[in-house]
């Protein structure tokens, strides 16, 4: 157990420290806390509860666990709490978050290791192995873009979105991909702005000339700077403004003990 990432077990009295490693993740969720502020944590609560229920666990208990976890990060700094449903129960780690970045290089994944594409947790280790494998193959840090039947679905750690002619595009619902909290917020803000949002089934080459984004809770919106051995994408001109908008939507949570 790392001193920086102590493991806490969920009980009826709240989270209590335990001296044990995290077991197999049957369901998981995580979010970013920046100086005590979180973006759409209730959506994370519902996503984790749904994932726990799909794994055969108690949905209401999962919701209570996230409520108990959300205020436990230190009130200052960047933190990434993660909850896991394991065979031993719900576990929490509060991890230091990486420095923010707004650009990313990608590559079309050579394989798709997902077994449970609609539930966060079971595939996390396999997807991390894929990231390392594809980065080694590309000779630089890249995030693989997963495809189903040749159609873009999502990044290995992020939702995939792209812009063309001021229209926001996301993968069609019939293409298996994780429900992303950050992408859902982006779509909602776009709709409030009167921006058209299209759900599209597209091959990687059909993103040629588009402004392509990856988005997740930990890293926010990142513009794709280069698609290794893939389409030539447009410069990510909208990223800075949209990152600022999402930061404005963060709300404070009650600070707990670190």
C-alpha atoms as a PDB file:
ATOM      1  CA  UNK A   1       0.000   0.000   0.000  1.00  0.00           C
ATOM      2  CA  UNK A   2       1.474   3.344  -1.021  1.00  0.00           C
ATOM      3  CA  UNK A   3       1.839   6.096   1.565  1.00  0.00           C
ATOM      4  CA  UNK A   4       0.533   8.506  -1.066  1.00  0.00           C
ATOM      5  CA  UNK A   5      -2.420   6.337  -1.991  1.00  0.00           C
ATOM      6  CA  UNK A   6      -3.778   4.664   1.154  1.00  0.00           C
ATOM      7  CA  UNK A   7      -6.659   2.286   0.592  1.00  0.00           C
ATOM      8  CA  UNK A   8      -9.907   2.870   2.463  1.00  0.00           C
ATOM      9  CA  UNK A   9     -12.752   0.387   2.747  1.00  0.00           C
ATOM     10  CA  UNK A  10     -16.380   1.460   2.676  1.00  0.00           C
ATOM     11  CA  UNK A  11     -18.405   0.518   5.752  1.00  0.00           C
ATOM     12  CA  UNK A  12     -21.740   1.598   7.178  1.00  0.00           C
ATOM     13  CA  UNK A  13     -19.807   4.179   9.212  1.00  0.00           C
ATOM     14  CA  UNK A  14     -17.935   5.571   6.197  1.00  0.00           C
ATOM     15  CA  UNK A  15     -14.478   4.923   4.792  1.00  0.00           C
ATOM     16  CA  UNK A  16     -11.864   3.370   7.062  1.00  0.00           C
ATOM     17  CA  UNK A  17      -8.173   2.712   6.286  1.00  0.00           C
ATOM     18  CA  UNK A  18      -7.248  -0.884   5.483  1.00  0.00           C
ATOM     19  CA  UNK A  19      -3.828  -2.413   4.918  1.00  0.00           C
ATOM     20  CA  UNK A  20      -4.601  -4.292   1.717  1.00  0.00           C
ATOM     21  CA  UNK A  21      -4.092  -3.878  -2.020  1.00  0.00           C
ATOM     22  CA  UNK A  22      -6.952  -3.150  -4.395  1.00  0.00           C
ATOM     23  CA  UNK A  23      -8.382  -6.352  -5.796  1.00  0.00           C
ATOM     24  CA  UNK A  24     -10.010  -6.954  -9.165  1.00  0.00           C
ATOM     25  CA  UNK A  25     -12.070  -3.952 -10.265  1.00  0.00           C
ATOM     26  CA  UNK A  26     -15.610  -5.111 -11.018  1.00  0.00           C
ATOM     27  CA  UNK A  27     -16.663  -1.464 -11.384  1.00  0.00           C
ATOM     28  CA  UNK A  28     -14.808   1.810 -10.929  1.00  0.00           C
ATOM     29  CA  UNK A  29     -15.057   5.564 -11.218  1.00  0.00           C
ATOM     30  CA  UNK A  30     -12.843   8.561 -10.613  1.00  0.00           C
ATOM     31  CA  UNK A  31     -13.043  12.330 -10.792  1.00  0.00           C
ATOM     32  CA  UNK A  32     -10.769  15.341 -10.529  1.00  0.00           C
ATOM     33  CA  UNK A  33     -10.770  17.660  -7.514  1.00  0.00           C
ATOM     34  CA  UNK A  34      -9.073  21.027  -8.050  1.00  0.00           C
ATOM     35  CA  UNK A  35      -8.762  23.117  -4.879  1.00  0.00           C
ATOM     36  CA  UNK A  36     -11.878  21.493  -3.466  1.00  0.00           C
ATOM     37  CA  UNK A  37     -13.978  21.886  -6.630  1.00  0.00           C
ATOM     38  CA  UNK A  38     -15.387  19.086  -8.798  1.00  0.00           C
ATOM     39  CA  UNK A  39     -17.116  18.991 -12.177  1.00  0.00           C
ATOM     40  CA  UNK A  40     -20.456  17.148 -12.170  1.00  0.00           C
ATOM     41  CA  UNK A  41     -19.654  14.786  -9.308  1.00  0.00           C
ATOM     42  CA  UNK A  42     -23.299  13.700  -9.126  1.00  0.00           C
ATOM     43  CA  UNK A  43     -22.935  12.258 -12.632  1.00  0.00           C
ATOM     44  CA  UNK A  44     -19.945  10.248 -11.407  1.00  0.00           C
ATOM     45  CA  UNK A  45     -22.064   9.051  -8.498  1.00  0.00           C
ATOM     46  CA  UNK A  46     -24.782   7.804 -10.842  1.00  0.00           C
ATOM     47  CA  UNK A  47     -22.314   6.216 -13.278  1.00  0.00           C
ATOM     48  CA  UNK A  48     -20.584   4.297 -10.483  1.00  0.00           C
ATOM     49  CA  UNK A  49     -23.921   3.221  -9.024  1.00  0.00           C
ATOM     50  CA  UNK A  50     -25.057   1.945 -12.421  1.00  0.00           C
ATOM     51  CA  UNK A  51     -21.770   0.080 -12.916  1.00  0.00           C
ATOM     52  CA  UNK A  52     -22.002  -1.503  -9.469  1.00  0.00           C
ATOM     53  CA  UNK A  53     -25.560  -2.631 -10.162  1.00  0.00           C
ATOM     54  CA  UNK A  54     -24.466  -4.136 -13.498  1.00  0.00           C
ATOM     55  CA  UNK A  55     -21.761  -6.047 -11.608  1.00  0.00           C
ATOM     56  CA  UNK A  56     -24.347  -7.433  -9.184  1.00  0.00           C
ATOM     57  CA  UNK A  57     -23.726  -5.002  -6.324  1.00  0.00           C
ATOM     58  CA  UNK A  58     -25.943  -2.671  -4.314  1.00  0.00           C
ATOM     59  CA  UNK A  59     -26.727   0.479  -6.284  1.00  0.00           C
ATOM     60  CA  UNK A  60     -27.862   2.561  -3.305  1.00  0.00           C
ATOM     61  CA  UNK A  61     -24.799   1.559  -1.283  1.00  0.00           C
ATOM     62  CA  UNK A  62     -22.594   2.636  -4.198  1.00  0.00           C
ATOM     63  CA  UNK A  63     -24.283   6.038  -4.303  1.00  0.00           C
ATOM     64  CA  UNK A  64     -23.732   6.445  -0.580  1.00  0.00           C
ATOM     65  CA  UNK A  65     -20.066   5.506  -0.986  1.00  0.00           C
ATOM     66  CA  UNK A  66     -19.457   8.221  -3.586  1.00  0.00           C
ATOM     67  CA  UNK A  67     -21.236  10.756  -1.379  1.00  0.00           C
ATOM     68  CA  UNK A  68     -18.900   9.700   1.408  1.00  0.00           C
ATOM     69  CA  UNK A  69     -15.825   9.902  -0.799  1.00  0.00           C
ATOM     70  CA  UNK A  70     -16.387  13.139  -2.673  1.00  0.00           C
ATOM     71  CA  UNK A  71     -15.346  15.479   0.136  1.00  0.00           C
ATOM     72  CA  UNK A  72     -12.372  13.499   1.418  1.00  0.00           C
ATOM     73  CA  UNK A  73      -9.755  14.964  -0.909  1.00  0.00           C
ATOM     74  CA  UNK A  74      -7.583  17.763   0.541  1.00  0.00           C
ATOM     75  CA  UNK A  75      -9.013  21.237   0.051  1.00  0.00           C
ATOM     76  CA  UNK A  76      -5.964  22.428  -1.886  1.00  0.00           C
ATOM     77  CA  UNK A  77      -4.202  21.020  -4.915  1.00  0.00           C
ATOM     78  CA  UNK A  78      -5.152  18.571  -7.651  1.00  0.00           C
ATOM     79  CA  UNK A  79      -6.452  15.153  -6.583  1.00  0.00           C
ATOM     80  CA  UNK A  80      -8.043  12.179  -8.282  1.00  0.00           C
ATOM     81  CA  UNK A  81     -10.233  10.087  -5.974  1.00  0.00           C
ATOM     82  CA  UNK A  82     -11.030   6.632  -7.362  1.00  0.00           C
ATOM     83  CA  UNK A  83     -13.660   4.206  -6.091  1.00  0.00           C
ATOM     84  CA  UNK A  84     -13.567   0.524  -7.007  1.00  0.00           C
ATOM     85  CA  UNK A  85     -16.037  -2.272  -6.435  1.00  0.00           C
ATOM     86  CA  UNK A  86     -13.884  -5.318  -5.690  1.00  0.00           C
ATOM     87  CA  UNK A  87     -14.822  -8.822  -4.540  1.00  0.00           C
ATOM     88  CA  UNK A  88     -14.023  -7.592  -1.004  1.00  0.00           C
ATOM     89  CA  UNK A  89     -16.277  -4.523  -1.256  1.00  0.00           C
ATOM     90  CA  UNK A  90     -15.977  -0.851  -2.221  1.00  0.00           C
ATOM     91  CA  UNK A  91     -12.523   0.660  -1.889  1.00  0.00           C
ATOM     92  CA  UNK A  92     -11.275   4.258  -2.196  1.00  0.00           C
ATOM     93  CA  UNK A  93      -7.898   5.760  -3.076  1.00  0.00           C
ATOM     94  CA  UNK A  94      -7.203   9.489  -3.211  1.00  0.00           C
ATOM     95  CA  UNK A  95      -4.372   9.887  -5.715  1.00  0.00           C
ATOM     96  CA  UNK A  96      -2.372  12.972  -6.649  1.00  0.00           C
ATOM     97  CA  UNK A  97      -3.564  14.112 -10.074  1.00  0.00           C
ATOM     98  CA  UNK A  98      -1.086  14.693 -12.901  1.00  0.00           C
ATOM     99  CA  UNK A  99      -0.277  18.163 -14.154  1.00  0.00           C
ATOM    100  CA  UNK A 100      -2.869  19.454 -16.639  1.00  0.00           C
ATOM    101  CA  UNK A 101      -2.232  19.072 -20.364  1.00  0.00           C
ATOM    102  CA  UNK A 102      -4.250  20.274 -23.339  1.00  0.00           C
ATOM    103  CA  UNK A 103      -2.726  18.287 -26.219  1.00  0.00           C
ATOM    104  CA  UNK A 104      -2.408  14.575 -26.986  1.00  0.00           C
ATOM    105  CA  UNK A 105      -1.114  12.382 -29.796  1.00  0.00           C
ATOM    106  CA  UNK A 106      -3.174   9.366 -30.809  1.00  0.00           C
ATOM    107  CA  UNK A 107      -2.934   6.220 -32.912  1.00  0.00           C
ATOM    108  CA  UNK A 108      -5.577   3.847 -34.241  1.00  0.00           C
ATOM    109  CA  UNK A 109      -5.409   0.849 -31.909  1.00  0.00           C
ATOM    110  CA  UNK A 110      -4.149  -2.369 -33.472  1.00  0.00           C
ATOM    111  CA  UNK A 111      -6.529  -4.374 -31.283  1.00  0.00           C
ATOM    112  CA  UNK A 112      -9.477  -3.914 -28.921  1.00  0.00           C
ATOM    113  CA  UNK A 113      -9.007  -5.573 -25.502  1.00  0.00           C
ATOM    114  CA  UNK A 114     -12.358  -4.457 -24.062  1.00  0.00           C
ATOM    115  CA  UNK A 115     -14.557  -7.167 -22.574  1.00  0.00           C
ATOM    116  CA  UNK A 116     -17.043  -4.813 -20.884  1.00  0.00           C
ATOM    117  CA  UNK A 117     -17.036  -1.659 -23.029  1.00  0.00           C
ATOM    118  CA  UNK A 118     -20.071  -0.157 -21.296  1.00  0.00           C
ATOM    119  CA  UNK A 119     -18.803  -0.552 -17.717  1.00  0.00           C
ATOM    120  CA  UNK A 120     -15.766   1.231 -16.290  1.00  0.00           C
ATOM    121  CA  UNK A 121     -13.553  -1.042 -14.251  1.00  0.00           C
ATOM    122  CA  UNK A 122     -13.060  -4.539 -15.656  1.00  0.00           C
ATOM    123  CA  UNK A 123     -10.997  -3.403 -18.668  1.00  0.00           C
ATOM    124  CA  UNK A 124      -8.812  -0.730 -17.045  1.00  0.00           C
ATOM    125  CA  UNK A 125      -5.702  -2.888 -16.669  1.00  0.00           C
ATOM    126  CA  UNK A 126      -5.989  -4.257 -20.220  1.00  0.00           C
ATOM    127  CA  UNK A 127      -6.449  -0.745 -21.609  1.00  0.00           C
ATOM    128  CA  UNK A 128      -3.417   0.542 -19.716  1.00  0.00           C
ATOM    129  CA  UNK A 129      -1.389  -2.317 -21.193  1.00  0.00           C
ATOM    130  CA  UNK A 130      -2.657  -1.294 -24.631  1.00  0.00           C
ATOM    131  CA  UNK A 131      -1.557   2.316 -24.060  1.00  0.00           C
ATOM    132  CA  UNK A 132       1.943   1.135 -23.158  1.00  0.00           C
ATOM    133  CA  UNK A 133       2.073  -1.265 -26.104  1.00  0.00           C
ATOM    134  CA  UNK A 134       0.937   1.301 -28.678  1.00  0.00           C
ATOM    135  CA  UNK A 135       3.211   4.015 -27.262  1.00  0.00           C
ATOM    136  CA  UNK A 136       6.172   1.675 -27.613  1.00  0.00           C
ATOM    137  CA  UNK A 137       5.128   0.857 -31.180  1.00  0.00           C
ATOM    138  CA  UNK A 138       4.745   4.554 -32.080  1.00  0.00           C
ATOM    139  CA  UNK A 139       7.956   5.570 -30.336  1.00  0.00           C
ATOM    140  CA  UNK A 140       6.189   8.285 -28.333  1.00  0.00           C
ATOM    141  CA  UNK A 141       3.361   8.685 -25.831  1.00  0.00           C
ATOM    142  CA  UNK A 142       0.050   8.129 -27.608  1.00  0.00           C
ATOM    143  CA  UNK A 143      -3.494   7.282 -26.625  1.00  0.00           C
ATOM    144  CA  UNK A 144      -4.969   4.499 -28.775  1.00  0.00           C
ATOM    145  CA  UNK A 145      -8.283   5.136 -30.505  1.00  0.00           C
ATOM    146  CA  UNK A 146     -10.456   2.038 -30.234  1.00  0.00           C
ATOM    147  CA  UNK A 147     -12.653   1.013 -33.134  1.00  0.00           C
ATOM    148  CA  UNK A 148     -15.571  -1.372 -33.515  1.00  0.00           C
ATOM    149  CA  UNK A 149     -15.979  -2.860 -36.989  1.00  0.00           C
ATOM    150  CA  UNK A 150     -13.648  -0.147 -38.257  1.00  0.00           C
ATOM    151  CA  UNK A 151     -15.694   2.691 -36.703  1.00  0.00           C
ATOM    152  CA  UNK A 152     -14.193   5.020 -34.094  1.00  0.00           C
ATOM    153  CA  UNK A 153     -15.558   4.422 -30.600  1.00  0.00           C
ATOM    154  CA  UNK A 154     -13.379   6.094 -27.955  1.00  0.00           C
ATOM    155  CA  UNK A 155      -9.863   6.557 -26.679  1.00  0.00           C
ATOM    156  CA  UNK A 156      -8.353   3.969 -24.368  1.00  0.00           C
ATOM    157  CA  UNK A 157      -8.829   6.395 -21.462  1.00  0.00           C
ATOM    158  CA  UNK A 158     -11.094   9.079 -22.899  1.00  0.00           C
ATOM    159  CA  UNK A 159     -14.232   9.955 -24.831  1.00  0.00           C
ATOM    160  CA  UNK A 160     -13.764  10.926 -28.476  1.00  0.00           C
ATOM    161  CA  UNK A 161     -15.382  14.044 -29.975  1.00  0.00           C
ATOM    162  CA  UNK A 162     -14.686  16.068 -33.100  1.00  0.00           C
ATOM    163  CA  UNK A 163     -15.686  19.337 -34.722  1.00  0.00           C
ATOM    164  CA  UNK A 164     -16.426  20.026 -38.372  1.00  0.00           C
ATOM    165  CA  UNK A 165     -18.075  23.211 -39.712  1.00  0.00           C
ATOM    166  CA  UNK A 166     -19.021  24.306 -36.174  1.00  0.00           C
ATOM    167  CA  UNK A 167     -20.911  21.034 -35.626  1.00  0.00           C
ATOM    168  CA  UNK A 168     -19.905  18.825 -32.702  1.00  0.00           C
ATOM    169  CA  UNK A 169     -19.703  15.117 -33.563  1.00  0.00           C
ATOM    170  CA  UNK A 170     -19.665  12.103 -31.227  1.00  0.00           C
ATOM    171  CA  UNK A 171     -19.699   8.363 -31.967  1.00  0.00           C
ATOM    172  CA  UNK A 172     -23.118   6.919 -32.739  1.00  0.00           C
ATOM    173  CA  UNK A 173     -24.924   5.248 -29.845  1.00  0.00           C
ATOM    174  CA  UNK A 174     -24.800   1.867 -31.569  1.00  0.00           C
ATOM    175  CA  UNK A 175     -20.989   1.858 -31.370  1.00  0.00           C
ATOM    176  CA  UNK A 176     -20.046   0.428 -27.946  1.00  0.00           C
ATOM    177  CA  UNK A 177     -18.278   3.047 -25.832  1.00  0.00           C
ATOM    178  CA  UNK A 178     -18.171   4.177 -22.215  1.00  0.00           C
ATOM    179  CA  UNK A 179     -20.614   6.800 -21.003  1.00  0.00           C
ATOM    180  CA  UNK A 180     -18.328   9.782 -20.314  1.00  0.00           C
ATOM    181  CA  UNK A 181     -19.240  12.356 -17.684  1.00  0.00           C
ATOM    182  CA  UNK A 182     -17.020  15.005 -19.255  1.00  0.00           C
ATOM    183  CA  UNK A 183     -18.354  14.377 -22.757  1.00  0.00           C
ATOM    184  CA  UNK A 184     -21.920  14.562 -21.442  1.00  0.00           C
ATOM    185  CA  UNK A 185     -21.196  17.983 -19.908  1.00  0.00           C
ATOM    186  CA  UNK A 186     -19.621  19.170 -23.168  1.00  0.00           C
ATOM    187  CA  UNK A 187     -22.676  18.046 -25.140  1.00  0.00           C
ATOM    188  CA  UNK A 188     -25.002  19.750 -22.687  1.00  0.00           C
ATOM    189  CA  UNK A 189     -23.113  23.053 -22.856  1.00  0.00           C
ATOM    190  CA  UNK A 190     -22.984  22.835 -26.651  1.00  0.00           C
ATOM    191  CA  UNK A 191     -26.730  22.260 -26.826  1.00  0.00           C
ATOM    192  CA  UNK A 192     -27.377  25.237 -24.534  1.00  0.00           C
ATOM    193  CA  UNK A 193     -25.256  27.320 -26.914  1.00  0.00           C
ATOM    194  CA  UNK A 194     -27.373  26.198 -29.849  1.00  0.00           C
ATOM    195  CA  UNK A 195     -24.561  24.078 -31.289  1.00  0.00           C
ATOM    196  CA  UNK A 196     -25.684  21.129 -33.379  1.00  0.00           C
ATOM    197  CA  UNK A 197     -24.527  17.773 -31.976  1.00  0.00           C
ATOM    198  CA  UNK A 198     -24.436  14.844 -34.410  1.00  0.00           C
ATOM    199  CA  UNK A 199     -24.041  11.179 -33.512  1.00  0.00           C
ATOM    200  CA  UNK A 200     -22.038   9.648 -36.305  1.00  0.00           C
ATOM    201  CA  UNK A 201     -20.616   6.287 -37.333  1.00  0.00           C
ATOM    202  CA  UNK A 202     -17.228   7.201 -38.825  1.00  0.00           C
ATOM    203  CA  UNK A 203     -14.008   5.509 -39.827  1.00  0.00           C
ATOM    204  CA  UNK A 204     -10.722   7.084 -38.716  1.00  0.00           C
ATOM    205  CA  UNK A 205     -10.036   8.411 -42.222  1.00  0.00           C
ATOM    206  CA  UNK A 206     -13.368  10.260 -42.166  1.00  0.00           C
ATOM    207  CA  UNK A 207     -11.986  12.502 -39.407  1.00  0.00           C
ATOM    208  CA  UNK A 208      -9.522  13.991 -41.903  1.00  0.00           C
ATOM    209  CA  UNK A 209      -9.484  17.775 -41.449  1.00  0.00           C
ATOM    210  CA  UNK A 210     -11.637  17.729 -38.297  1.00  0.00           C
ATOM    211  CA  UNK A 211     -10.667  19.216 -34.951  1.00  0.00           C
ATOM    212  CA  UNK A 212     -10.498  16.121 -32.764  1.00  0.00           C
ATOM    213  CA  UNK A 213     -10.769  16.024 -28.975  1.00  0.00           C
ATOM    214  CA  UNK A 214     -10.237  13.468 -26.250  1.00  0.00           C
ATOM    215  CA  UNK A 215     -12.019  14.201 -22.986  1.00  0.00           C
ATOM    216  CA  UNK A 216     -12.093  12.639 -19.540  1.00  0.00           C
ATOM    217  CA  UNK A 217     -12.457  13.738 -15.935  1.00  0.00           C
ATOM    218  CA  UNK A 218      -8.768  13.503 -15.010  1.00  0.00           C
ATOM    219  CA  UNK A 219      -7.309  15.386 -17.976  1.00  0.00           C
ATOM    220  CA  UNK A 220     -10.284  17.429 -19.163  1.00  0.00           C
ATOM    221  CA  UNK A 221     -10.405  18.315 -22.865  1.00  0.00           C
ATOM    222  CA  UNK A 222      -7.267  17.588 -24.873  1.00  0.00           C
ATOM    223  CA  UNK A 223      -6.918  18.465 -28.520  1.00  0.00           C
ATOM    224  CA  UNK A 224      -5.429  15.828 -30.797  1.00  0.00           C
ATOM    225  CA  UNK A 225      -2.194  17.330 -32.091  1.00  0.00           C
ATOM    226  CA  UNK A 226      -1.256  14.388 -34.305  1.00  0.00           C
ATOM    227  CA  UNK A 227      -2.790  11.041 -35.322  1.00  0.00           C
ATOM    228  CA  UNK A 228       0.151   8.691 -35.799  1.00  0.00           C
ATOM    229  CA  UNK A 229      -0.199   6.857 -39.133  1.00  0.00           C
ATOM    230  CA  UNK A 230      -3.747   8.203 -39.367  1.00  0.00           C
ATOM    231  CA  UNK A 231      -5.777  11.134 -40.700  1.00  0.00           C
ATOM    232  CA  UNK A 232      -4.407  14.655 -40.834  1.00  0.00           C
ATOM    233  CA  UNK A 233      -6.453  16.516 -38.242  1.00  0.00           C
ATOM    234  CA  UNK A 234      -7.019  20.242 -37.826  1.00  0.00           C
ATOM    235  CA  UNK A 235      -5.261  22.298 -35.176  1.00  0.00           C
ATOM    236  CA  UNK A 236      -7.269  22.204 -31.900  1.00  0.00           C
ATOM    237  CA  UNK A 237      -8.376  25.839 -31.946  1.00  0.00           C
ATOM    238  CA  UNK A 238     -11.328  25.520 -29.532  1.00  0.00           C
ATOM    239  CA  UNK A 239      -9.657  23.659 -26.678  1.00  0.00           C
ATOM    240  CA  UNK A 240      -8.487  26.555 -24.503  1.00  0.00           C
ATOM    241  CA  UNK A 241     -11.866  28.293 -24.458  1.00  0.00           C
ATOM    242  CA  UNK A 242     -13.747  25.095 -23.702  1.00  0.00           C
ATOM    243  CA  UNK A 243     -11.338  24.028 -20.965  1.00  0.00           C
ATOM    244  CA  UNK A 244     -11.942  27.401 -19.320  1.00  0.00           C
ATOM    245  CA  UNK A 245     -15.704  26.901 -19.573  1.00  0.00           C
ATOM    246  CA  UNK A 246     -15.567  23.521 -17.858  1.00  0.00           C
ATOM    247  CA  UNK A 247     -13.389  24.950 -15.092  1.00  0.00           C
ATOM    248  CA  UNK A 248     -16.090  27.557 -14.449  1.00  0.00           C
ATOM    249  CA  UNK A 249     -18.618  24.747 -13.969  1.00  0.00           C
ATOM    250  CA  UNK A 250     -16.714  23.135 -11.093  1.00  0.00           C
ATOM    251  CA  UNK A 251     -18.540  23.371  -7.783  1.00  0.00           C
ATOM    252  CA  UNK A 252     -17.084  23.201  -4.269  1.00  0.00           C
ATOM    253  CA  UNK A 253     -17.439  20.081  -2.158  1.00  0.00           C
ATOM    254  CA  UNK A 254     -17.012  19.817   1.584  1.00  0.00           C
ATOM    255  CA  UNK A 255     -13.351  19.375   2.372  1.00  0.00           C
ATOM    256  CA  UNK A 256     -12.575  16.297   4.410  1.00  0.00           C
ATOM    257  CA  UNK A 257      -9.491  14.843   6.017  1.00  0.00           C
ATOM    258  CA  UNK A 258      -6.595  13.919   3.724  1.00  0.00           C
END
